[in-house]
């Protein structure tokens, strides 16, 4: 899918933990999705045309067999 199809590609950040997140935001902008680790769920959420930014590793690395937990935002509960 492409933006011409009416679908805007998403930006995914994978495995960011600290200051590197802020550096990535300055360079790429705010992500549409934040994945705590490269796992099966993250892999399923990536669509053709999306951009994936890894803090370490790459899309070629095998994903973890175990899914990472969600990020809890203040006020979500």
N, C-alpha and C. Protein backbone atom coordinates (compact mmCIF):
# COMPACT_ATOMS: atom_id res chain seq x y z
N UNK A 1 0.84 -1.18 0.00
CA UNK A 1 0.00 0.00 0.00
C UNK A 1 0.88 1.24 0.00
N UNK A 2 0.39 2.26 -0.59
CA UNK A 2 1.14 3.52 -0.64
C UNK A 2 0.21 4.66 -0.29
N UNK A 3 0.80 5.82 -0.04
CA UNK A 3 0.00 6.99 0.30
C UNK A 3 -1.00 7.29 -0.81
N UNK A 4 -0.67 6.96 -2.06
CA UNK A 4 -1.58 7.19 -3.17
C UNK A 4 -2.82 6.31 -3.08
N UNK A 5 -2.75 5.24 -2.29
CA UNK A 5 -3.90 4.36 -2.07
C UNK A 5 -4.82 4.89 -0.97
N UNK A 6 -4.50 6.05 -0.43
CA UNK A 6 -5.28 6.62 0.66
C UNK A 6 -4.81 6.15 2.02
N UNK A 7 -3.73 5.39 2.06
CA UNK A 7 -3.19 4.89 3.32
C UNK A 7 -1.83 5.55 3.53
N UNK A 8 -1.66 6.17 4.68
CA UNK A 8 -0.39 6.81 5.00
C UNK A 8 0.52 5.80 5.69
N UNK A 9 1.74 5.61 5.18
CA UNK A 9 2.67 4.69 5.85
C UNK A 9 2.92 5.13 7.29
N UNK A 10 3.07 4.16 8.18
CA UNK A 10 3.29 4.43 9.60
C UNK A 10 4.79 4.40 9.91
N UNK A 11 5.14 5.07 11.02
CA UNK A 11 6.51 5.07 11.53
C UNK A 11 6.53 4.26 12.81
N UNK A 12 7.39 3.24 12.86
CA UNK A 12 7.50 2.34 14.01
C UNK A 12 8.87 2.51 14.64
N UNK A 13 8.93 2.65 15.96
CA UNK A 13 10.18 2.63 16.72
C UNK A 13 10.23 1.31 17.48
N UNK A 14 11.37 0.62 17.40
CA UNK A 14 11.51 -0.69 18.03
C UNK A 14 12.69 -0.67 19.00
N UNK A 15 12.43 -1.07 20.24
CA UNK A 15 13.44 -1.32 21.28
C UNK A 15 14.16 -0.06 21.76
N UNK A 16 13.52 1.07 21.72
CA UNK A 16 14.12 2.29 22.27
C UNK A 16 13.89 2.32 23.77
N UNK A 17 14.90 2.77 24.54
CA UNK A 17 14.80 2.73 25.99
C UNK A 17 15.08 4.07 26.66
N UNK A 18 15.86 4.94 26.08
CA UNK A 18 16.26 6.15 26.81
C UNK A 18 16.44 7.33 25.88
N UNK A 19 17.59 7.98 26.04
CA UNK A 19 17.87 9.20 25.28
C UNK A 19 17.86 8.99 23.78
N UNK A 20 18.16 7.77 23.34
CA UNK A 20 18.16 7.53 21.89
C UNK A 20 16.76 7.74 21.31
N UNK A 21 15.72 7.56 22.13
CA UNK A 21 14.35 7.81 21.67
C UNK A 21 14.20 9.27 21.27
N UNK A 22 14.67 10.18 22.12
CA UNK A 22 14.55 11.61 21.81
C UNK A 22 15.35 11.98 20.57
N UNK A 23 16.51 11.39 20.40
CA UNK A 23 17.31 11.63 19.20
C UNK A 23 16.56 11.15 17.95
N UNK A 24 15.94 9.97 18.05
CA UNK A 24 15.19 9.43 16.91
C UNK A 24 13.99 10.31 16.58
N UNK A 25 13.30 10.83 17.60
CA UNK A 25 12.16 11.71 17.37
C UNK A 25 12.61 12.98 16.66
N UNK A 26 13.75 13.53 17.08
CA UNK A 26 14.26 14.74 16.40
C UNK A 26 14.57 14.47 14.94
N UNK A 27 15.06 13.28 14.65
CA UNK A 27 15.44 12.94 13.28
C UNK A 27 14.25 12.50 12.43
N UNK A 28 13.40 11.64 12.96
CA UNK A 28 12.33 11.02 12.19
C UNK A 28 10.94 11.58 12.46
N UNK A 29 10.76 12.26 13.60
CA UNK A 29 9.43 12.70 14.02
C UNK A 29 8.84 11.71 15.01
N UNK A 30 7.67 12.03 15.53
CA UNK A 30 7.03 11.16 16.52
C UNK A 30 6.54 9.89 15.85
N UNK A 31 6.78 8.74 16.48
CA UNK A 31 6.36 7.48 15.87
C UNK A 31 4.85 7.27 15.99
N UNK A 32 4.32 6.51 15.07
CA UNK A 32 2.93 6.09 15.15
C UNK A 32 2.78 4.89 16.08
N UNK A 33 3.83 4.07 16.14
CA UNK A 33 3.82 2.88 16.99
C UNK A 33 5.16 2.78 17.72
N UNK A 34 5.12 2.37 18.98
CA UNK A 34 6.33 2.11 19.76
C UNK A 34 6.25 0.65 20.20
N UNK A 35 7.25 -0.11 19.81
CA UNK A 35 7.32 -1.52 20.17
C UNK A 35 8.48 -1.69 21.14
N UNK A 36 8.22 -2.24 22.30
CA UNK A 36 9.27 -2.41 23.29
C UNK A 36 10.37 -3.34 22.82
N UNK A 37 10.01 -4.31 21.98
CA UNK A 37 11.01 -5.23 21.45
C UNK A 37 10.54 -5.74 20.10
N UNK A 38 11.45 -6.33 19.35
CA UNK A 38 11.12 -6.92 18.06
C UNK A 38 10.56 -8.31 18.33
N UNK A 39 9.24 -8.40 18.30
CA UNK A 39 8.55 -9.64 18.62
C UNK A 39 7.54 -9.96 17.54
N UNK A 40 6.84 -11.07 17.70
CA UNK A 40 5.86 -11.49 16.69
C UNK A 40 4.76 -10.45 16.49
N UNK A 41 4.33 -9.84 17.58
CA UNK A 41 3.26 -8.85 17.46
C UNK A 41 3.73 -7.62 16.69
N UNK A 42 4.93 -7.13 16.99
CA UNK A 42 5.46 -5.98 16.26
C UNK A 42 5.55 -6.32 14.77
N UNK A 43 6.04 -7.49 14.48
CA UNK A 43 6.18 -7.90 13.09
C UNK A 43 4.83 -7.93 12.37
N UNK A 44 3.78 -8.39 13.05
CA UNK A 44 2.43 -8.43 12.46
C UNK A 44 1.88 -7.03 12.21
N UNK A 45 2.29 -6.06 13.02
CA UNK A 45 1.74 -4.71 12.91
C UNK A 45 2.43 -3.87 11.83
N UNK A 46 3.50 -4.38 11.24
CA UNK A 46 4.21 -3.67 10.19
C UNK A 46 3.51 -3.95 8.87
N UNK A 47 3.15 -2.89 8.16
CA UNK A 47 2.50 -3.03 6.86
C UNK A 47 3.50 -2.66 5.76
N UNK A 48 3.28 -3.16 4.56
CA UNK A 48 4.15 -2.77 3.45
C UNK A 48 4.18 -1.23 3.32
N UNK A 49 5.37 -0.69 3.16
CA UNK A 49 5.52 0.75 3.02
C UNK A 49 5.80 1.48 4.32
N UNK A 50 5.60 0.82 5.48
CA UNK A 50 5.89 1.44 6.77
C UNK A 50 7.40 1.60 6.94
N UNK A 51 7.79 2.55 7.78
CA UNK A 51 9.19 2.77 8.12
C UNK A 51 9.42 2.23 9.53
N UNK A 52 10.49 1.43 9.68
CA UNK A 52 10.81 0.83 10.97
C UNK A 52 12.19 1.33 11.39
N UNK A 53 12.26 1.93 12.59
CA UNK A 53 13.51 2.43 13.13
C UNK A 53 13.86 1.57 14.35
N UNK A 54 15.01 0.92 14.29
CA UNK A 54 15.46 0.06 15.38
C UNK A 54 16.51 0.78 16.21
N UNK A 55 16.39 0.70 17.54
CA UNK A 55 17.44 1.22 18.42
C UNK A 55 18.66 0.32 18.31
N UNK A 56 18.45 -0.97 18.13
CA UNK A 56 19.51 -1.96 17.94
C UNK A 56 18.93 -3.09 17.12
N UNK A 57 19.74 -3.70 16.29
CA UNK A 57 19.27 -4.81 15.47
C UNK A 57 18.62 -4.31 14.20
N UNK A 58 17.91 -5.24 13.54
CA UNK A 58 17.26 -4.89 12.27
C UNK A 58 16.08 -5.82 12.03
N UNK A 59 15.34 -5.51 10.98
CA UNK A 59 14.19 -6.32 10.61
C UNK A 59 14.62 -7.74 10.22
N UNK A 60 15.87 -7.90 9.79
CA UNK A 60 16.37 -9.21 9.40
C UNK A 60 16.59 -10.14 10.60
N UNK A 61 16.72 -9.56 11.81
CA UNK A 61 16.89 -10.38 13.01
C UNK A 61 15.61 -11.16 13.29
N UNK A 62 15.73 -12.40 13.73
CA UNK A 62 14.50 -13.14 14.05
C UNK A 62 13.80 -12.48 15.24
N UNK A 63 12.47 -12.34 15.15
CA UNK A 63 11.74 -11.75 16.27
C UNK A 63 11.71 -12.70 17.46
N UNK A 64 11.55 -12.12 18.65
CA UNK A 64 11.44 -12.91 19.86
C UNK A 64 10.21 -13.81 19.79
N UNK A 65 10.31 -14.99 20.36
CA UNK A 65 9.14 -15.89 20.45
C UNK A 65 8.11 -15.36 21.43
N UNK A 66 8.55 -14.47 22.34
CA UNK A 66 7.68 -13.95 23.39
C UNK A 66 7.33 -12.50 23.10
N UNK A 67 6.06 -12.16 23.24
CA UNK A 67 5.63 -10.79 23.00
C UNK A 67 6.01 -9.89 24.16
N UNK A 68 6.42 -8.66 23.85
CA UNK A 68 6.68 -7.65 24.87
C UNK A 68 5.36 -7.11 25.40
N UNK A 69 5.41 -6.53 26.57
CA UNK A 69 4.18 -5.97 27.13
C UNK A 69 3.92 -4.59 26.51
N UNK A 70 2.69 -4.13 26.65
CA UNK A 70 2.31 -2.81 26.16
C UNK A 70 2.90 -1.73 27.04
N UNK A 71 2.99 -0.55 26.48
CA UNK A 71 3.43 0.61 27.25
C UNK A 71 2.20 1.23 27.90
N UNK A 72 2.22 1.36 29.22
CA UNK A 72 1.12 1.98 29.94
C UNK A 72 1.37 3.48 30.00
N UNK A 73 0.41 4.24 29.52
CA UNK A 73 0.48 5.69 29.57
C UNK A 73 -0.21 6.17 30.84
N UNK A 74 0.25 7.28 31.44
CA UNK A 74 -0.43 7.82 32.61
C UNK A 74 -1.91 8.10 32.28
N UNK A 75 -2.77 7.68 33.15
CA UNK A 75 -4.20 7.93 32.95
C UNK A 75 -4.91 6.85 32.14
N UNK A 76 -4.18 5.81 31.69
CA UNK A 76 -4.80 4.74 30.92
C UNK A 76 -5.68 3.84 31.78
N UNK A 77 -5.45 3.85 33.06
CA UNK A 77 -6.20 2.91 33.91
C UNK A 77 -7.24 3.62 34.71
